[in-house]
Amino acid sequence: MGPEKIWPKRKERALLLINQVIQGGVCTRHGAKVKRCSSKGCTNKAVKGGVCVKHGAKVKRCNKEGCTNQAIQGGVCVRHGAKVKR
């Protein structure tokens, strides 16, 4: 028989499911580096093209008329039907 898989405690399992793998198979809590905005003096996370939203990164908006929320999936926001992974 091979080695048994040992599951972490309940709380630790919940954390494993919530944290998103970013780099090298680890989350930011466990050592993954997050890219920062390249503008001088800014410490925000880079969103697109090496800059944050404040410094020019464009984010897609919801397709529904009159809605200014950020599009999550399929061109729409959560309010208009985008499914959110949990």
N, C-alpha and C. Protein backbone atom coordinates (compact mmCIF):
# COMPACT_ATOMS: atom_id res chain seq x y z
N MET A 1 0.84 -1.19 0.00
CA MET A 1 0.00 0.00 0.00
C MET A 1 0.88 1.25 0.00
N GLY A 2 0.43 2.26 -0.69
CA GLY A 2 1.18 3.51 -0.77
C GLY A 2 0.92 4.39 0.43
N PRO A 3 1.62 5.50 0.49
CA PRO A 3 1.42 6.42 1.62
C PRO A 3 0.00 7.00 1.60
N GLU A 4 -0.55 7.13 2.78
CA GLU A 4 -1.90 7.67 2.90
C GLU A 4 -1.87 9.18 2.75
N LYS A 5 -2.91 9.72 2.17
CA LYS A 5 -3.00 11.17 2.02
C LYS A 5 -3.61 11.73 3.31
N ILE A 6 -2.90 12.63 3.94
CA ILE A 6 -3.36 13.22 5.19
C ILE A 6 -3.99 14.57 4.88
N TRP A 7 -5.26 14.70 5.21
CA TRP A 7 -5.98 15.95 4.97
C TRP A 7 -5.76 16.91 6.12
N PRO A 8 -5.58 18.20 5.81
CA PRO A 8 -5.43 19.18 6.88
C PRO A 8 -6.73 19.34 7.66
N LYS A 9 -6.63 20.01 8.78
CA LYS A 9 -7.82 20.25 9.59
C LYS A 9 -8.85 21.04 8.81
N ARG A 10 -10.06 21.06 9.30
CA ARG A 10 -11.19 21.68 8.60
C ARG A 10 -10.92 23.13 8.21
N LYS A 11 -10.43 23.95 9.14
CA LYS A 11 -10.17 25.36 8.84
C LYS A 11 -9.09 25.50 7.77
N GLU A 12 -8.06 24.69 7.85
CA GLU A 12 -6.99 24.75 6.87
C GLU A 12 -7.48 24.34 5.49
N ARG A 13 -8.38 23.37 5.43
CA ARG A 13 -8.95 22.96 4.16
C ARG A 13 -9.73 24.10 3.54
N ALA A 14 -10.49 24.84 4.37
CA ALA A 14 -11.26 25.98 3.88
C ALA A 14 -10.33 27.04 3.29
N LEU A 15 -9.20 27.28 3.95
CA LEU A 15 -8.24 28.25 3.43
C LEU A 15 -7.65 27.79 2.10
N LEU A 16 -7.40 26.50 1.97
CA LEU A 16 -6.86 25.98 0.73
C LEU A 16 -7.82 26.21 -0.43
N LEU A 17 -9.10 26.14 -0.16
CA LEU A 17 -10.09 26.33 -1.21
C LEU A 17 -10.28 27.79 -1.57
N ILE A 18 -10.07 28.70 -0.62
CA ILE A 18 -10.31 30.12 -0.85
C ILE A 18 -9.13 30.77 -1.57
N ASN A 19 -7.90 30.49 -1.14
CA ASN A 19 -6.73 31.13 -1.71
C ASN A 19 -6.51 30.70 -3.15
N GLN A 20 -6.14 31.66 -3.98
CA GLN A 20 -5.95 31.39 -5.39
C GLN A 20 -4.47 31.20 -5.69
N VAL A 21 -4.15 30.16 -6.43
CA VAL A 21 -2.77 29.91 -6.82
C VAL A 21 -2.36 30.97 -7.83
N ILE A 22 -1.24 31.64 -7.55
CA ILE A 22 -0.80 32.72 -8.41
C ILE A 22 0.49 32.36 -9.14
N GLN A 23 1.48 31.85 -8.41
CA GLN A 23 2.78 31.59 -9.01
C GLN A 23 3.42 30.37 -8.38
N GLY A 24 3.90 29.48 -9.19
CA GLY A 24 4.63 28.31 -8.68
C GLY A 24 3.80 27.40 -7.81
N GLY A 25 2.48 27.40 -7.98
CA GLY A 25 1.62 26.51 -7.20
C GLY A 25 1.31 27.00 -5.81
N VAL A 26 1.64 28.25 -5.48
CA VAL A 26 1.34 28.77 -4.14
C VAL A 26 0.56 30.07 -4.23
N CYS A 27 -0.12 30.39 -3.14
CA CYS A 27 -0.87 31.63 -3.05
C CYS A 27 0.04 32.72 -2.49
N THR A 28 -0.46 33.94 -2.40
CA THR A 28 0.36 35.05 -1.91
C THR A 28 0.75 34.87 -0.44
N ARG A 29 -0.08 34.19 0.34
CA ARG A 29 0.26 33.95 1.75
C ARG A 29 1.48 33.06 1.91
N HIS A 30 1.72 32.22 0.91
CA HIS A 30 2.80 31.26 1.01
C HIS A 30 3.95 31.54 0.06
N GLY A 31 4.10 32.79 -0.36
CA GLY A 31 5.31 33.18 -1.07
C GLY A 31 5.21 33.60 -2.51
N ALA A 32 4.04 33.55 -3.13
CA ALA A 32 3.93 34.00 -4.52
C ALA A 32 4.07 35.51 -4.58
N LYS A 33 4.79 35.99 -5.57
CA LYS A 33 4.99 37.43 -5.73
C LYS A 33 3.85 38.01 -6.57
N VAL A 34 3.38 39.20 -6.18
CA VAL A 34 2.32 39.89 -6.92
C VAL A 34 2.95 41.06 -7.64
N LYS A 35 2.67 41.19 -8.92
CA LYS A 35 3.24 42.29 -9.69
C LYS A 35 2.61 43.60 -9.27
N ARG A 36 3.45 44.61 -9.11
CA ARG A 36 3.01 45.94 -8.68
C ARG A 36 3.00 46.90 -9.85
N CYS A 37 2.24 47.98 -9.72
CA CYS A 37 2.14 49.02 -10.75
C CYS A 37 3.52 49.61 -11.00
N SER A 38 3.83 49.85 -12.28
CA SER A 38 5.14 50.37 -12.64
C SER A 38 5.24 51.89 -12.53
N SER A 39 4.14 52.57 -12.22
CA SER A 39 4.19 54.03 -12.06
C SER A 39 4.97 54.38 -10.79
N LYS A 40 5.72 55.45 -10.88
CA LYS A 40 6.59 55.86 -9.77
C LYS A 40 5.77 56.15 -8.51
N GLY A 41 6.13 55.52 -7.40
CA GLY A 41 5.49 55.77 -6.12
C GLY A 41 4.19 55.03 -5.88
N CYS A 42 3.73 54.25 -6.84
CA CYS A 42 2.46 53.52 -6.70
C CYS A 42 2.73 52.10 -6.21
N THR A 43 1.93 51.65 -5.23
CA THR A 43 2.10 50.30 -4.69
C THR A 43 0.90 49.40 -4.97
N ASN A 44 -0.02 49.84 -5.83
CA ASN A 44 -1.19 49.03 -6.18
C ASN A 44 -0.78 47.84 -7.04
N LYS A 45 -1.64 46.80 -7.09
CA LYS A 45 -1.37 45.64 -7.93
C LYS A 45 -1.56 46.01 -9.40
N ALA A 46 -0.66 45.51 -10.25
CA ALA A 46 -0.78 45.72 -11.69
C ALA A 46 -1.94 44.88 -12.22
N VAL A 47 -2.78 45.49 -13.05
CA VAL A 47 -3.95 44.81 -13.58
C VAL A 47 -3.69 44.37 -15.01
N LYS A 48 -3.23 45.29 -15.84
CA LYS A 48 -3.00 45.01 -17.25
C LYS A 48 -1.91 45.93 -17.77
N GLY A 49 -0.99 45.39 -18.53
CA GLY A 49 0.08 46.19 -19.10
C GLY A 49 1.06 46.75 -18.07
N GLY A 50 1.14 46.14 -16.90
CA GLY A 50 2.10 46.57 -15.90
C GLY A 50 1.66 47.76 -15.06
N VAL A 51 0.42 48.22 -15.24
CA VAL A 51 -0.07 49.35 -14.45
C VAL A 51 -1.41 49.02 -13.80
N CYS A 52 -1.74 49.78 -12.75
CA CYS A 52 -3.02 49.60 -12.06
C CYS A 52 -4.11 50.40 -12.80
N VAL A 53 -5.34 50.26 -12.37
CA VAL A 53 -6.47 50.96 -12.99
C VAL A 53 -6.30 52.47 -12.87
N LYS A 54 -5.77 52.91 -11.74
CA LYS A 54 -5.58 54.34 -11.50
C LYS A 54 -4.62 54.97 -12.51
N HIS A 55 -3.68 54.16 -13.00
CA HIS A 55 -2.67 54.68 -13.92
C HIS A 55 -2.86 54.21 -15.36
N GLY A 56 -4.06 53.82 -15.73
CA GLY A 56 -4.37 53.60 -17.13
C GLY A 56 -4.74 52.21 -17.58
N ALA A 57 -4.75 51.22 -16.72
CA ALA A 57 -5.17 49.88 -17.14
C ALA A 57 -6.67 49.90 -17.40
N LYS A 58 -7.07 49.42 -18.55
CA LYS A 58 -8.48 49.39 -18.91
C LYS A 58 -9.11 48.09 -18.43
N VAL A 59 -10.28 48.19 -17.79
CA VAL A 59 -11.02 47.00 -17.39
C VAL A 59 -12.33 46.98 -18.17
N LYS A 60 -12.78 45.79 -18.53
CA LYS A 60 -14.01 45.67 -19.30
C LYS A 60 -15.21 45.97 -18.41
N ARG A 61 -16.17 46.65 -18.96
CA ARG A 61 -17.40 46.99 -18.24
C ARG A 61 -18.55 46.11 -18.72
N CYS A 62 -19.58 46.02 -17.91
CA CYS A 62 -20.76 45.21 -18.21
C CYS A 62 -21.43 45.72 -19.49
N ASN A 63 -21.94 44.77 -20.31
CA ASN A 63 -22.59 45.11 -21.58
C ASN A 63 -23.99 45.69 -21.41
N LYS A 64 -24.63 45.46 -20.29
CA LYS A 64 -26.01 45.92 -20.10
C LYS A 64 -26.07 47.45 -20.06
N GLU A 65 -27.06 47.98 -20.70
CA GLU A 65 -27.22 49.43 -20.79
C GLU A 65 -27.40 50.05 -19.40
N GLY A 66 -26.63 51.09 -19.14
CA GLY A 66 -26.72 51.81 -17.88
C GLY A 66 -25.92 51.21 -16.74
N CYS A 67 -25.29 50.06 -16.95
CA CYS A 67 -24.51 49.41 -15.89
C CYS A 67 -23.04 49.77 -16.04
N THR A 68 -22.42 50.17 -14.93
CA THR A 68 -21.00 50.55 -14.96
C THR A 68 -20.12 49.57 -14.18
N ASN A 69 -20.66 48.42 -13.77
CA ASN A 69 -19.88 47.43 -13.03
C ASN A 69 -18.86 46.75 -13.93
N GLN A 70 -17.84 46.17 -13.34
CA GLN A 70 -16.82 45.46 -14.08
C GLN A 70 -17.36 44.12 -14.57
N ALA A 71 -17.11 43.79 -15.85
CA ALA A 71 -17.54 42.51 -16.42
C ALA A 71 -16.70 41.40 -15.82
N ILE A 72 -17.36 40.32 -15.42
CA ILE A 72 -16.68 39.19 -14.80
C ILE A 72 -16.58 38.03 -15.78
N GLN A 73 -17.69 37.68 -16.42
CA GLN A 73 -17.72 36.53 -17.31
C GLN A 73 -18.73 36.78 -18.42
N GLY A 74 -18.36 36.50 -19.64
CA GLY A 74 -19.27 36.64 -20.77
C GLY A 74 -19.70 38.07 -21.03
N GLY A 75 -18.91 39.05 -20.61
CA GLY A 75 -19.23 40.45 -20.87
C GLY A 75 -20.24 41.06 -19.93
N VAL A 76 -20.63 40.35 -18.87
CA VAL A 76 -21.60 40.89 -17.92
C VAL A 76 -21.07 40.79 -16.49
N CYS A 77 -21.64 41.61 -15.62
CA CYS A 77 -21.27 41.60 -14.20
C CYS A 77 -22.08 40.53 -13.48
N VAL A 78 -21.82 40.36 -12.20
CA VAL A 78 -22.52 39.36 -11.40
C VAL A 78 -24.02 39.66 -11.34
N ARG A 79 -24.36 40.92 -11.22
CA ARG A 79 -25.76 41.32 -11.12
C ARG A 79 -26.56 40.92 -12.37
N HIS A 80 -25.88 40.88 -13.53
CA HIS A 80 -26.56 40.57 -14.78
C HIS A 80 -26.30 39.16 -15.29
N GLY A 81 -25.81 38.27 -14.41
CA GLY A 81 -25.77 36.87 -14.77
C GLY A 81 -24.43 36.17 -14.83
N ALA A 82 -23.33 36.85 -14.53
CA ALA A 82 -22.03 36.18 -14.54
C ALA A 82 -21.94 35.22 -13.37
N LYS A 83 -21.47 34.03 -13.62
CA LYS A 83 -21.30 33.03 -12.57
C LYS A 83 -19.96 33.28 -11.87
N VAL A 84 -19.95 33.24 -10.55
CA VAL A 84 -18.73 33.44 -9.79
C VAL A 84 -18.29 32.11 -9.20
N LYS A 85 -17.02 31.76 -9.44
CA LYS A 85 -16.49 30.52 -8.87
C LYS A 85 -16.28 30.70 -7.40
N ARG A 86 -16.71 29.74 -6.60
CA ARG A 86 -16.54 29.81 -5.15
C ARG A 86 -15.87 28.60 -4.63
